[in-house]
Amino acid sequence: RHTQEALYDYAAELIDYTKRPVYIYNCAQMGTLFAPDTLCRLVNEHPNLKGFKDASVDILNFIQCTLRVDPENFDFLGGCDGLDGVMMLLGAVGCVSFMAVPFPKEMSDIVEAGLEGDREKCIAAQHKVLRIRNLCKQAPFNAAWIYAMKYGGGPVGMHSRMPADQDYVPDELKKQLDDLAREMGYDVQ
């Protein structure tokens, strides 16, 4: 784990590497959980820092960040498909999620409803994604998401960088994912 000062120094150096707009990634699992004051300092001292993706699942940290940084001049992005709807309702302007590869419509529905300020529609869209997520989380790492890439019409992943046992999706889980995708209107082969 990085101290906030070390995290500031690390991010500041990366941000200053270019003068182009930069977004950073708030993710506790990667050791980059920016405290609200650290994010605020980065934004104030590095004008090309324009936003960040928050996959921390720490809603209190996220809302404290939105309290300190002007959301009119900074893009907050959701980064966890389990919370993106909530984050949209709390001021995010979009989300970056692996779920959008196999299920682009469902993720787009969350973002659109959130931007419209339609709480009921946003939460209903989030519930659809949670049903998918609950299944995907039954396989190791991101194996089920990779399997489900075939639904969205984009490129289909073959495997991850993980060992073979981390890419395994049991046949019963594949069937459940296929059934749910059919229910949601996807053409499943």
N, C-alpha and C. Protein backbone atom coordinates (compact mmCIF):
# COMPACT_ATOMS: atom_id res chain seq x y z
N ARG A 1 0.84 -1.20 0.00
CA ARG A 1 0.00 0.00 0.00
C ARG A 1 0.88 1.25 0.00
N HIS A 2 0.45 2.20 -0.81
CA HIS A 2 1.18 3.46 -0.88
C HIS A 2 0.65 4.43 0.19
N THR A 3 1.53 5.24 0.72
CA THR A 3 1.05 6.36 1.53
C THR A 3 0.43 7.36 0.57
N GLN A 4 -0.37 8.27 1.08
CA GLN A 4 -0.98 9.27 0.21
C GLN A 4 0.09 10.17 -0.42
N GLU A 5 1.14 10.46 0.31
CA GLU A 5 2.22 11.28 -0.25
C GLU A 5 2.92 10.55 -1.39
N ALA A 6 3.19 9.26 -1.20
CA ALA A 6 3.83 8.48 -2.27
C ALA A 6 2.89 8.37 -3.47
N LEU A 7 1.62 8.17 -3.21
CA LEU A 7 0.64 8.08 -4.30
C LEU A 7 0.55 9.41 -5.05
N TYR A 8 0.59 10.52 -4.30
CA TYR A 8 0.59 11.84 -4.95
C TYR A 8 1.82 11.99 -5.84
N ASP A 9 2.99 11.68 -5.31
CA ASP A 9 4.24 11.82 -6.08
C ASP A 9 4.21 10.96 -7.35
N TYR A 10 3.75 9.74 -7.21
CA TYR A 10 3.68 8.80 -8.33
C TYR A 10 2.72 9.34 -9.40
N ALA A 11 1.51 9.71 -8.98
CA ALA A 11 0.51 10.20 -9.94
C ALA A 11 0.94 11.52 -10.56
N ALA A 12 1.51 12.41 -9.77
CA ALA A 12 1.93 13.72 -10.29
C ALA A 12 2.98 13.55 -11.39
N GLU A 13 3.91 12.63 -11.18
CA GLU A 13 4.94 12.39 -12.20
C GLU A 13 4.31 11.86 -13.49
N LEU A 14 3.39 10.93 -13.36
CA LEU A 14 2.72 10.39 -14.55
C LEU A 14 1.89 11.46 -15.26
N ILE A 15 1.14 12.23 -14.49
CA ILE A 15 0.30 13.28 -15.07
C ILE A 15 1.15 14.29 -15.83
N ASP A 16 2.29 14.66 -15.25
CA ASP A 16 3.16 15.67 -15.87
C ASP A 16 3.95 15.14 -17.05
N TYR A 17 3.90 13.85 -17.28
CA TYR A 17 4.62 13.26 -18.40
C TYR A 17 4.12 13.80 -19.73
N THR A 18 2.86 14.21 -19.75
CA THR A 18 2.27 14.76 -20.97
C THR A 18 1.48 16.01 -20.61
N LYS A 19 1.25 16.83 -21.58
CA LYS A 19 0.39 18.01 -21.37
C LYS A 19 -1.02 17.75 -21.87
N ARG A 20 -1.24 16.55 -22.36
CA ARG A 20 -2.58 16.17 -22.83
C ARG A 20 -3.48 15.89 -21.63
N PRO A 21 -4.80 15.87 -21.85
CA PRO A 21 -5.71 15.53 -20.75
C PRO A 21 -5.43 14.13 -20.22
N VAL A 22 -5.48 13.99 -18.91
CA VAL A 22 -5.15 12.73 -18.24
C VAL A 22 -6.29 12.36 -17.30
N TYR A 23 -6.57 11.07 -17.26
CA TYR A 23 -7.49 10.50 -16.27
C TYR A 23 -6.69 9.50 -15.45
N ILE A 24 -7.00 9.40 -14.17
CA ILE A 24 -6.32 8.43 -13.33
C ILE A 24 -7.34 7.41 -12.83
N TYR A 25 -6.83 6.35 -12.24
CA TYR A 25 -7.63 5.19 -11.87
C TYR A 25 -7.58 5.01 -10.36
N ASN A 26 -8.72 5.09 -9.72
CA ASN A 26 -8.84 4.90 -8.28
C ASN A 26 -9.25 3.46 -8.03
N CYS A 27 -8.32 2.66 -7.55
CA CYS A 27 -8.60 1.22 -7.40
C CYS A 27 -7.82 0.67 -6.23
N ALA A 28 -8.51 0.37 -5.14
CA ALA A 28 -7.85 -0.13 -3.94
C ALA A 28 -7.05 -1.39 -4.20
N GLN A 29 -7.55 -2.28 -5.08
CA GLN A 29 -6.86 -3.53 -5.36
C GLN A 29 -5.51 -3.30 -6.03
N MET A 30 -5.34 -2.18 -6.67
CA MET A 30 -4.06 -1.85 -7.32
C MET A 30 -3.20 -0.94 -6.44
N GLY A 31 -3.65 -0.68 -5.23
CA GLY A 31 -2.88 0.16 -4.32
C GLY A 31 -3.00 1.64 -4.64
N THR A 32 -4.03 2.03 -5.39
CA THR A 32 -4.18 3.43 -5.77
C THR A 32 -5.52 3.97 -5.29
N LEU A 33 -5.72 3.98 -4.00
CA LEU A 33 -6.92 4.58 -3.43
C LEU A 33 -6.60 6.02 -3.05
N PHE A 34 -6.97 6.93 -3.94
CA PHE A 34 -6.69 8.35 -3.71
C PHE A 34 -7.66 8.89 -2.67
N ALA A 35 -7.12 9.39 -1.58
CA ALA A 35 -7.95 10.05 -0.58
C ALA A 35 -8.49 11.33 -1.20
N PRO A 36 -9.64 11.80 -0.75
CA PRO A 36 -10.23 13.00 -1.33
C PRO A 36 -9.28 14.20 -1.35
N ASP A 37 -8.54 14.41 -0.27
CA ASP A 37 -7.61 15.55 -0.25
C ASP A 37 -6.46 15.36 -1.23
N THR A 38 -6.01 14.12 -1.42
CA THR A 38 -4.94 13.85 -2.40
C THR A 38 -5.45 14.13 -3.81
N LEU A 39 -6.65 13.68 -4.12
CA LEU A 39 -7.22 13.95 -5.44
C LEU A 39 -7.37 15.45 -5.65
N CYS A 40 -7.89 16.13 -4.67
CA CYS A 40 -8.08 17.58 -4.77
C CYS A 40 -6.75 18.29 -5.03
N ARG A 41 -5.72 17.90 -4.33
CA ARG A 41 -4.40 18.49 -4.52
C ARG A 41 -3.88 18.22 -5.94
N LEU A 42 -4.06 17.00 -6.42
CA LEU A 42 -3.64 16.68 -7.79
C LEU A 42 -4.38 17.53 -8.81
N VAL A 43 -5.69 17.67 -8.63
CA VAL A 43 -6.49 18.47 -9.56
C VAL A 43 -6.04 19.93 -9.53
N ASN A 44 -5.83 20.47 -8.35
CA ASN A 44 -5.44 21.88 -8.22
C ASN A 44 -4.05 22.17 -8.75
N GLU A 45 -3.14 21.20 -8.65
CA GLU A 45 -1.75 21.45 -9.04
C GLU A 45 -1.38 20.92 -10.42
N HIS A 46 -2.30 20.19 -11.06
CA HIS A 46 -2.01 19.61 -12.37
C HIS A 46 -3.23 19.83 -13.27
N PRO A 47 -3.24 20.96 -14.00
CA PRO A 47 -4.45 21.33 -14.76
C PRO A 47 -4.84 20.36 -15.88
N ASN A 48 -3.93 19.50 -16.30
CA ASN A 48 -4.31 18.53 -17.34
C ASN A 48 -4.95 17.27 -16.76
N LEU A 49 -5.07 17.15 -15.44
CA LEU A 49 -5.82 16.06 -14.83
C LEU A 49 -7.30 16.41 -14.96
N LYS A 50 -8.00 15.66 -15.80
CA LYS A 50 -9.38 16.00 -16.14
C LYS A 50 -10.43 15.06 -15.57
N GLY A 51 -10.00 13.91 -15.01
CA GLY A 51 -10.99 13.01 -14.45
C GLY A 51 -10.37 11.76 -13.88
N PHE A 52 -11.23 10.95 -13.27
CA PHE A 52 -10.75 9.66 -12.81
C PHE A 52 -11.85 8.63 -12.78
N LYS A 53 -11.41 7.41 -13.02
CA LYS A 53 -12.28 6.24 -12.93
C LYS A 53 -12.16 5.71 -11.51
N ASP A 54 -13.29 5.55 -10.85
CA ASP A 54 -13.27 5.06 -9.48
C ASP A 54 -13.83 3.64 -9.42
N ALA A 55 -12.93 2.69 -9.23
CA ALA A 55 -13.33 1.29 -9.05
C ALA A 55 -13.06 0.84 -7.63
N SER A 56 -13.00 1.80 -6.73
CA SER A 56 -12.62 1.49 -5.34
C SER A 56 -13.73 0.77 -4.58
N VAL A 57 -14.96 0.87 -5.01
CA VAL A 57 -16.17 0.43 -4.32
C VAL A 57 -16.32 1.09 -2.95
N ASP A 58 -15.62 2.17 -2.76
CA ASP A 58 -15.71 2.94 -1.52
C ASP A 58 -16.55 4.18 -1.80
N ILE A 59 -17.85 4.05 -1.65
CA ILE A 59 -18.77 5.13 -1.98
C ILE A 59 -18.51 6.37 -1.14
N LEU A 60 -18.17 6.20 0.12
CA LEU A 60 -17.89 7.36 0.96
C LEU A 60 -16.69 8.13 0.43
N ASN A 61 -15.63 7.43 0.04
CA ASN A 61 -14.46 8.09 -0.54
C ASN A 61 -14.87 8.82 -1.83
N PHE A 62 -15.67 8.15 -2.66
CA PHE A 62 -16.11 8.76 -3.92
C PHE A 62 -16.88 10.05 -3.68
N ILE A 63 -17.85 10.01 -2.77
CA ILE A 63 -18.68 11.20 -2.55
C ILE A 63 -17.88 12.31 -1.88
N GLN A 64 -16.90 11.94 -1.05
CA GLN A 64 -16.01 12.95 -0.47
C GLN A 64 -15.17 13.62 -1.56
N CYS A 65 -14.79 12.83 -2.58
CA CYS A 65 -14.05 13.41 -3.72
C CYS A 65 -14.92 14.40 -4.47
N THR A 66 -16.20 14.03 -4.70
CA THR A 66 -17.09 14.95 -5.42
C THR A 66 -17.38 16.20 -4.62
N LEU A 67 -17.23 16.14 -3.30
CA LEU A 67 -17.41 17.31 -2.44
C LEU A 67 -16.25 18.29 -2.61
N ARG A 68 -15.05 17.77 -2.84
CA ARG A 68 -13.85 18.60 -2.89
C ARG A 68 -13.46 19.08 -4.29
N VAL A 69 -13.87 18.34 -5.30
CA VAL A 69 -13.46 18.66 -6.67
C VAL A 69 -14.69 19.05 -7.47
N ASP A 70 -14.60 20.15 -8.19
CA ASP A 70 -15.73 20.68 -8.95
C ASP A 70 -16.10 19.74 -10.10
N PRO A 71 -17.25 19.07 -10.01
CA PRO A 71 -17.64 18.13 -11.07
C PRO A 71 -17.97 18.81 -12.40
N GLU A 72 -18.11 20.12 -12.41
CA GLU A 72 -18.33 20.84 -13.67
C GLU A 72 -17.05 20.90 -14.50
N ASN A 73 -15.90 20.76 -13.84
CA ASN A 73 -14.61 20.86 -14.52
C ASN A 73 -13.77 19.59 -14.39
N PHE A 74 -14.38 18.51 -13.93
CA PHE A 74 -13.66 17.27 -13.69
C PHE A 74 -14.64 16.12 -13.90
N ASP A 75 -14.21 15.10 -14.62
CA ASP A 75 -15.08 13.97 -14.91
C ASP A 75 -14.88 12.84 -13.91
N PHE A 76 -15.94 12.54 -13.18
CA PHE A 76 -15.95 11.37 -12.31
C PHE A 76 -16.59 10.24 -13.10
N LEU A 77 -15.91 9.11 -13.17
CA LEU A 77 -16.40 7.94 -13.89
C LEU A 77 -16.54 6.77 -12.94
N GLY A 78 -17.67 6.07 -13.04
CA GLY A 78 -17.83 4.83 -12.29
C GLY A 78 -16.89 3.79 -12.87
N GLY A 79 -16.47 2.85 -12.06
CA GLY A 79 -15.53 1.86 -12.54
C GLY A 79 -15.79 0.47 -11.99
N CYS A 80 -16.94 0.27 -11.38
CA CYS A 80 -17.31 -1.05 -10.86
C CYS A 80 -18.73 -1.34 -11.29
N ASP A 81 -18.91 -2.36 -12.12
CA ASP A 81 -20.25 -2.63 -12.66
C ASP A 81 -21.28 -2.91 -11.57
N GLY A 82 -20.84 -3.22 -10.37
CA GLY A 82 -21.76 -3.44 -9.27
C GLY A 82 -22.28 -2.16 -8.64
N LEU A 83 -21.62 -1.03 -8.92
CA LEU A 83 -22.00 0.25 -8.31
C LEU A 83 -22.16 1.40 -9.30
N ASP A 84 -22.00 1.15 -10.57
CA ASP A 84 -22.01 2.25 -11.54
C ASP A 84 -23.29 3.07 -11.49
N GLY A 85 -24.44 2.43 -11.30
CA GLY A 85 -25.69 3.18 -11.22
C GLY A 85 -25.70 4.14 -10.04
N VAL A 86 -25.24 3.68 -8.91
CA VAL A 86 -25.17 4.53 -7.72
C VAL A 86 -24.21 5.69 -7.98
N MET A 87 -23.09 5.39 -8.59
CA MET A 87 -22.10 6.44 -8.86
C MET A 87 -22.64 7.47 -9.85
N MET A 88 -23.41 7.01 -10.84
CA MET A 88 -24.04 7.94 -11.77
C MET A 88 -24.98 8.88 -11.02
N LEU A 89 -25.74 8.34 -10.09
CA LEU A 89 -26.68 9.16 -9.32
C LEU A 89 -25.97 10.11 -8.36
N LEU A 90 -24.71 9.81 -8.06
CA LEU A 90 -23.93 10.66 -7.16
C LEU A 90 -23.05 11.66 -7.92
N GLY A 91 -23.18 11.70 -9.24
CA GLY A 91 -22.46 12.72 -9.99
C GLY A 91 -21.49 12.24 -11.04
N ALA A 92 -21.33 10.95 -11.21
CA ALA A 92 -20.46 10.47 -12.29
C ALA A 92 -21.07 10.85 -13.64
N VAL A 93 -20.21 11.00 -14.65
CA VAL A 93 -20.69 11.38 -15.98
C VAL A 93 -20.64 10.20 -16.95
N GLY A 94 -20.24 9.06 -16.46
CA GLY A 94 -20.15 7.86 -17.28
C GLY A 94 -19.49 6.77 -16.47
N CYS A 95 -19.22 5.67 -17.13
CA CYS A 95 -18.53 4.59 -16.45
C CYS A 95 -17.68 3.81 -17.44
N VAL A 96 -16.63 3.26 -16.93
CA VAL A 96 -15.73 2.41 -17.71
C VAL A 96 -15.74 1.07 -16.99
N SER A 97 -16.31 0.08 -17.66
CA SER A 97 -16.49 -1.19 -17.00
C SER A 97 -16.31 -2.32 -17.99
N PHE A 98 -15.67 -3.38 -17.55
CA PHE A 98 -15.49 -4.57 -18.38
C PHE A 98 -16.84 -5.14 -18.79
N MET A 99 -17.87 -4.92 -18.00
CA MET A 99 -19.21 -5.42 -18.30
C MET A 99 -19.74 -4.85 -19.62
N ALA A 100 -19.27 -3.67 -20.02
CA ALA A 100 -19.75 -3.04 -21.24
C ALA A 100 -19.31 -3.78 -22.49
N VAL A 101 -18.32 -4.65 -22.39
CA VAL A 101 -17.90 -5.41 -23.57
C VAL A 101 -18.95 -6.47 -23.91
N PRO A 102 -19.31 -7.35 -22.98
CA PRO A 102 -20.33 -8.34 -23.34
C PRO A 102 -21.77 -7.80 -23.28
N PHE A 103 -22.00 -6.77 -22.48
CA PHE A 103 -23.36 -6.26 -22.30
C PHE A 103 -23.38 -4.72 -22.46
N PRO A 104 -23.12 -4.24 -23.68
CA PRO A 104 -23.04 -2.79 -23.88
C PRO A 104 -24.37 -2.07 -23.64
N LYS A 105 -25.47 -2.66 -24.04
CA LYS A 105 -26.75 -1.99 -23.89
C LYS A 105 -27.08 -1.79 -22.41
N GLU A 106 -26.87 -2.83 -21.61
CA GLU A 106 -27.20 -2.73 -20.18
C GLU A 106 -26.37 -1.65 -19.49
N MET A 107 -25.09 -1.55 -19.86
CA MET A 107 -24.26 -0.52 -19.25
C MET A 107 -24.65 0.87 -19.76
N SER A 108 -24.98 0.96 -21.04
CA SER A 108 -25.42 2.23 -21.61
C SER A 108 -26.72 2.68 -20.94
N ASP A 109 -27.60 1.73 -20.63
CA ASP A 109 -28.86 2.08 -19.96
C ASP A 109 -28.60 2.72 -18.59
N ILE A 110 -27.61 2.21 -17.88
CA ILE A 110 -27.25 2.80 -16.58
C ILE A 110 -26.80 4.24 -16.77
N VAL A 111 -25.89 4.45 -17.70
CA VAL A 111 -25.33 5.79 -17.92
C VAL A 111 -26.41 6.76 -18.38
N GLU A 112 -27.20 6.36 -19.36
CA GLU A 112 -28.23 7.26 -19.88
C GLU A 112 -29.24 7.64 -18.80
N ALA A 113 -29.70 6.68 -18.04
CA ALA A 113 -30.67 6.98 -16.97
C ALA A 113 -30.04 7.88 -15.91
N GLY A 114 -28.77 7.61 -15.58
CA GLY A 114 -28.09 8.45 -14.60
C GLY A 114 -27.94 9.89 -15.08
N LEU A 115 -27.56 10.05 -16.34
CA LEU A 115 -27.40 11.41 -16.89
C LEU A 115 -28.74 12.15 -16.96
N GLU A 116 -29.82 11.39 -17.17
CA GLU A 116 -31.16 11.98 -17.20
C GLU A 116 -31.66 12.29 -15.80
N GLY A 117 -31.00 11.75 -14.77
CA GLY A 117 -31.44 11.94 -13.40
C GLY A 117 -32.66 11.09 -13.05
N ASP A 118 -32.89 10.05 -13.83
CA ASP A 118 -34.02 9.16 -13.59
C ASP A 118 -33.60 8.04 -12.64
N ARG A 119 -33.79 8.28 -11.36
CA ARG A 119 -33.33 7.36 -10.33
C ARG A 119 -33.93 5.97 -10.48
N GLU A 120 -35.21 5.87 -10.69
CA GLU A 120 -35.85 4.55 -10.79
C GLU A 120 -35.33 3.77 -11.98
N LYS A 121 -35.22 4.42 -13.11
CA LYS A 121 -34.72 3.76 -14.32
C LYS A 121 -33.25 3.36 -14.15
N CYS A 122 -32.47 4.21 -13.51
CA CYS A 122 -31.04 3.92 -13.29
C CYS A 122 -30.87 2.71 -12.37
N ILE A 123 -31.63 2.67 -11.30
CA ILE A 123 -31.53 1.54 -10.37
C ILE A 123 -32.05 0.27 -11.02
N ALA A 124 -33.10 0.35 -11.82
CA ALA A 124 -33.59 -0.84 -12.53
C ALA A 124 -32.53 -1.37 -13.49
N ALA A 125 -31.83 -0.46 -14.17
CA ALA A 125 -30.74 -0.87 -15.07
C ALA A 125 -29.60 -1.48 -14.27
N GLN A 126 -29.31 -0.90 -13.11
CA GLN A 126 -28.26 -1.45 -12.25
C GLN A 126 -28.62 -2.85 -11.79
N HIS A 127 -29.88 -3.07 -11.47
CA HIS A 127 -30.32 -4.41 -11.04
C HIS A 127 -30.13 -5.44 -12.14
N LYS A 128 -30.38 -5.07 -13.40
CA LYS A 128 -30.14 -6.00 -14.51
C LYS A 128 -28.66 -6.38 -14.56
N VAL A 129 -27.80 -5.38 -14.42
CA VAL A 129 -26.36 -5.64 -14.46
C VAL A 129 -25.93 -6.47 -13.26
N LEU A 130 -26.54 -6.25 -12.11
CA LEU A 130 -26.20 -7.06 -10.94
C LEU A 130 -26.55 -8.53 -11.15
N ARG A 131 -27.64 -8.80 -11.85
CA ARG A 131 -27.98 -10.19 -12.15
C ARG A 131 -26.87 -10.84 -12.98
N ILE A 132 -26.38 -10.11 -13.96
CA ILE A 132 -25.28 -10.61 -14.79
C ILE A 132 -24.03 -10.78 -13.94
N ARG A 133 -23.71 -9.76 -13.18
CA ARG A 133 -22.50 -9.76 -12.35
C ARG A 133 -22.51 -10.92 -11.36
N ASN A 134 -23.67 -11.17 -10.77
CA ASN A 134 -23.77 -12.27 -9.80
C ASN A 134 -23.39 -13.60 -10.43
N LEU A 135 -23.75 -13.79 -11.69
CA LEU A 135 -23.34 -15.02 -12.39
C LEU A 135 -21.85 -14.97 -12.71
N CYS A 136 -21.40 -13.85 -13.27
CA CYS A 136 -19.99 -13.76 -13.69
C CYS A 136 -19.02 -13.96 -12.53
N LYS A 137 -19.41 -13.50 -11.35
CA LYS A 137 -18.54 -13.63 -10.18
C LYS A 137 -18.39 -15.07 -9.70
N GLN A 138 -19.16 -16.00 -10.26
CA GLN A 138 -19.05 -17.40 -9.87
C GLN A 138 -17.87 -18.11 -10.54
N ALA A 139 -17.29 -17.49 -11.55
CA ALA A 139 -16.11 -18.05 -12.23
C ALA A 139 -14.87 -17.30 -11.73
N PRO A 140 -13.70 -17.89 -11.89
CA PRO A 140 -12.48 -17.21 -11.46
C PRO A 140 -12.20 -15.92 -12.24
N PHE A 141 -11.63 -14.96 -11.56
CA PHE A 141 -11.14 -13.70 -12.13
C PHE A 141 -12.14 -13.14 -13.14
N ASN A 142 -11.79 -13.01 -14.41
CA ASN A 142 -12.69 -12.43 -15.40
C ASN A 142 -13.13 -13.45 -16.46
N ALA A 143 -13.02 -14.72 -16.15
CA ALA A 143 -13.31 -15.77 -17.13
C ALA A 143 -14.73 -15.69 -17.68
N ALA A 144 -15.71 -15.46 -16.83
CA ALA A 144 -17.10 -15.40 -17.30
C ALA A 144 -17.34 -14.19 -18.18
N TRP A 145 -16.71 -13.07 -17.86
CA TRP A 145 -16.84 -11.88 -18.72
C TRP A 145 -16.25 -12.17 -20.10
N ILE A 146 -15.12 -12.85 -20.12
CA ILE A 146 -14.50 -13.20 -21.41
C ILE A 146 -15.42 -14.15 -22.18
N TYR A 147 -15.98 -15.12 -21.50
CA TYR A 147 -16.93 -16.03 -22.16
C TYR A 147 -18.10 -15.23 -22.74
N ALA A 148 -18.61 -14.26 -21.99
CA ALA A 148 -19.80 -13.50 -22.38
C ALA A 148 -19.53 -12.47 -23.47
N MET A 149 -18.28 -12.25 -23.84
CA MET A 149 -17.98 -11.28 -24.89
C MET A 149 -18.71 -11.60 -26.20
N LYS A 150 -19.07 -12.82 -26.39
CA LYS A 150 -19.75 -13.23 -27.62
C LYS A 150 -21.13 -12.57 -27.76
N TYR A 151 -21.72 -12.08 -26.68
CA TYR A 151 -23.05 -11.50 -26.74
C TYR A 151 -23.07 -10.09 -27.34
N GLY A 152 -22.07 -9.30 -27.07
CA GLY A 152 -22.10 -7.88 -27.40
C GLY A 152 -21.81 -7.52 -28.84
N GLY A 153 -21.36 -8.47 -29.63
CA GLY A 153 -21.11 -8.19 -31.04
C GLY A 153 -19.73 -7.66 -31.33
N GLY A 154 -18.92 -7.44 -30.31
CA GLY A 154 -17.56 -6.96 -30.52
C GLY A 154 -16.59 -8.12 -30.61
N PRO A 155 -15.31 -7.82 -30.51
CA PRO A 155 -14.31 -8.89 -30.57
C PRO A 155 -14.49 -9.86 -29.41
N VAL A 156 -14.26 -11.12 -29.69
CA VAL A 156 -14.43 -12.16 -28.68
C VAL A 156 -13.07 -12.54 -28.12
N GLY A 157 -12.95 -12.46 -26.80
CA GLY A 157 -11.71 -12.86 -26.15
C GLY A 157 -11.58 -14.36 -26.11
N MET A 158 -10.38 -14.83 -26.18
CA MET A 158 -10.14 -16.28 -26.13
C MET A 158 -9.74 -16.72 -24.73
N HIS A 159 -8.90 -15.93 -24.08
CA HIS A 159 -8.47 -16.23 -22.73
C HIS A 159 -7.78 -14.99 -22.18
N SER A 160 -7.55 -15.00 -20.89
CA SER A 160 -6.88 -13.88 -20.24
C SER A 160 -5.40 -14.19 -20.10
N ARG A 161 -4.73 -13.34 -19.38
CA ARG A 161 -3.30 -13.56 -19.11
C ARG A 161 -3.09 -14.51 -17.93
N MET A 162 -4.19 -15.00 -17.40
CA MET A 162 -4.14 -15.86 -16.22
C MET A 162 -3.88 -17.31 -16.61
N PRO A 163 -3.47 -18.15 -15.67
CA PRO A 163 -3.32 -19.59 -15.94
C PRO A 163 -4.65 -20.20 -16.37
N ALA A 164 -4.58 -21.35 -17.04
CA ALA A 164 -5.78 -21.98 -17.61
C ALA A 164 -6.89 -22.19 -16.59
N ASP A 165 -6.55 -22.54 -15.35
CA ASP A 165 -7.61 -22.77 -14.37
C ASP A 165 -8.31 -21.48 -13.96
N GLN A 166 -7.72 -20.34 -14.28
CA GLN A 166 -8.36 -19.05 -14.01
C GLN A 166 -9.28 -18.62 -15.15
N ASP A 167 -9.17 -19.29 -16.29
CA ASP A 167 -10.02 -18.98 -17.45
C ASP A 167 -11.20 -19.94 -17.56
N TYR A 168 -11.37 -20.81 -16.62
CA TYR A 168 -12.36 -21.87 -16.70
C TYR A 168 -13.75 -21.36 -16.29
N VAL A 169 -14.74 -21.64 -17.15
CA VAL A 169 -16.14 -21.35 -16.84
C VAL A 169 -16.89 -22.68 -16.93
N PRO A 170 -17.44 -23.16 -15.84
CA PRO A 170 -18.17 -24.44 -15.87
C PRO A 170 -19.34 -24.40 -16.86
N ASP A 171 -19.65 -25.54 -17.45
CA ASP A 171 -20.73 -25.62 -18.43
C ASP A 171 -22.06 -25.13 -17.87
N GLU A 172 -22.36 -25.46 -16.63
CA GLU A 172 -23.62 -25.02 -16.03
C GLU A 172 -23.68 -23.50 -15.95
N LEU A 173 -22.57 -22.87 -15.62
CA LEU A 173 -22.54 -21.40 -15.57
C LEU A 173 -22.67 -20.81 -16.98
N LYS A 174 -22.04 -21.43 -17.95
CA LYS A 174 -22.20 -20.98 -19.35
C LYS A 174 -23.67 -21.02 -19.74
N LYS A 175 -24.37 -22.10 -19.37
CA LYS A 175 -25.79 -22.22 -19.68
C LYS A 175 -26.59 -21.11 -19.01
N GLN A 176 -26.28 -20.83 -17.75
CA GLN A 176 -27.00 -19.78 -17.04
C GLN A 176 -26.75 -18.42 -17.69
N LEU A 177 -25.51 -18.15 -18.08
CA LEU A 177 -25.20 -16.89 -18.76
C LEU A 177 -25.92 -16.80 -20.10
N ASP A 178 -25.90 -17.89 -20.87
CA ASP A 178 -26.60 -17.91 -22.16
C ASP A 178 -28.10 -17.67 -21.97
N ASP A 179 -28.69 -18.33 -20.98
CA ASP A 179 -30.13 -18.16 -20.72
C ASP A 179 -30.45 -16.71 -20.34
N LEU A 180 -29.63 -16.11 -19.50
CA LEU A 180 -29.86 -14.73 -19.10
C LEU A 180 -29.68 -13.78 -20.29
N ALA A 181 -28.68 -14.04 -21.12
CA ALA A 181 -28.46 -13.21 -22.31
C ALA A 181 -29.66 -13.32 -23.25
N ARG A 182 -30.19 -14.51 -23.44
CA ARG A 182 -31.39 -14.69 -24.27
C ARG A 182 -32.56 -13.89 -23.69
N GLU A 183 -32.73 -13.99 -22.36
CA GLU A 183 -33.80 -13.27 -21.68
C GLU A 183 -33.67 -11.76 -21.93
N MET A 184 -32.45 -11.28 -22.02
CA MET A 184 -32.20 -9.86 -22.23
C MET A 184 -32.20 -9.46 -23.70
N GLY A 185 -32.49 -10.42 -24.56
CA GLY A 185 -32.65 -10.09 -25.97
C GLY A 185 -31.44 -10.29 -26.85
N TYR A 186 -30.40 -10.90 -26.34
CA TYR A 186 -29.20 -11.14 -27.13
C TYR A 186 -29.37 -12.43 -27.94
N ASP A 187 -28.82 -12.42 -29.15
CA ASP A 187 -28.82 -13.60 -30.00
C ASP A 187 -27.68 -14.50 -29.54
N VAL A 188 -28.03 -15.61 -28.91
CA VAL A 188 -27.03 -16.51 -28.35
C VAL A 188 -26.91 -17.74 -29.24
N GLN A 189 -25.71 -17.99 -29.71
CA GLN A 189 -25.45 -19.16 -30.56
C GLN A 189 -24.98 -20.33 -29.71
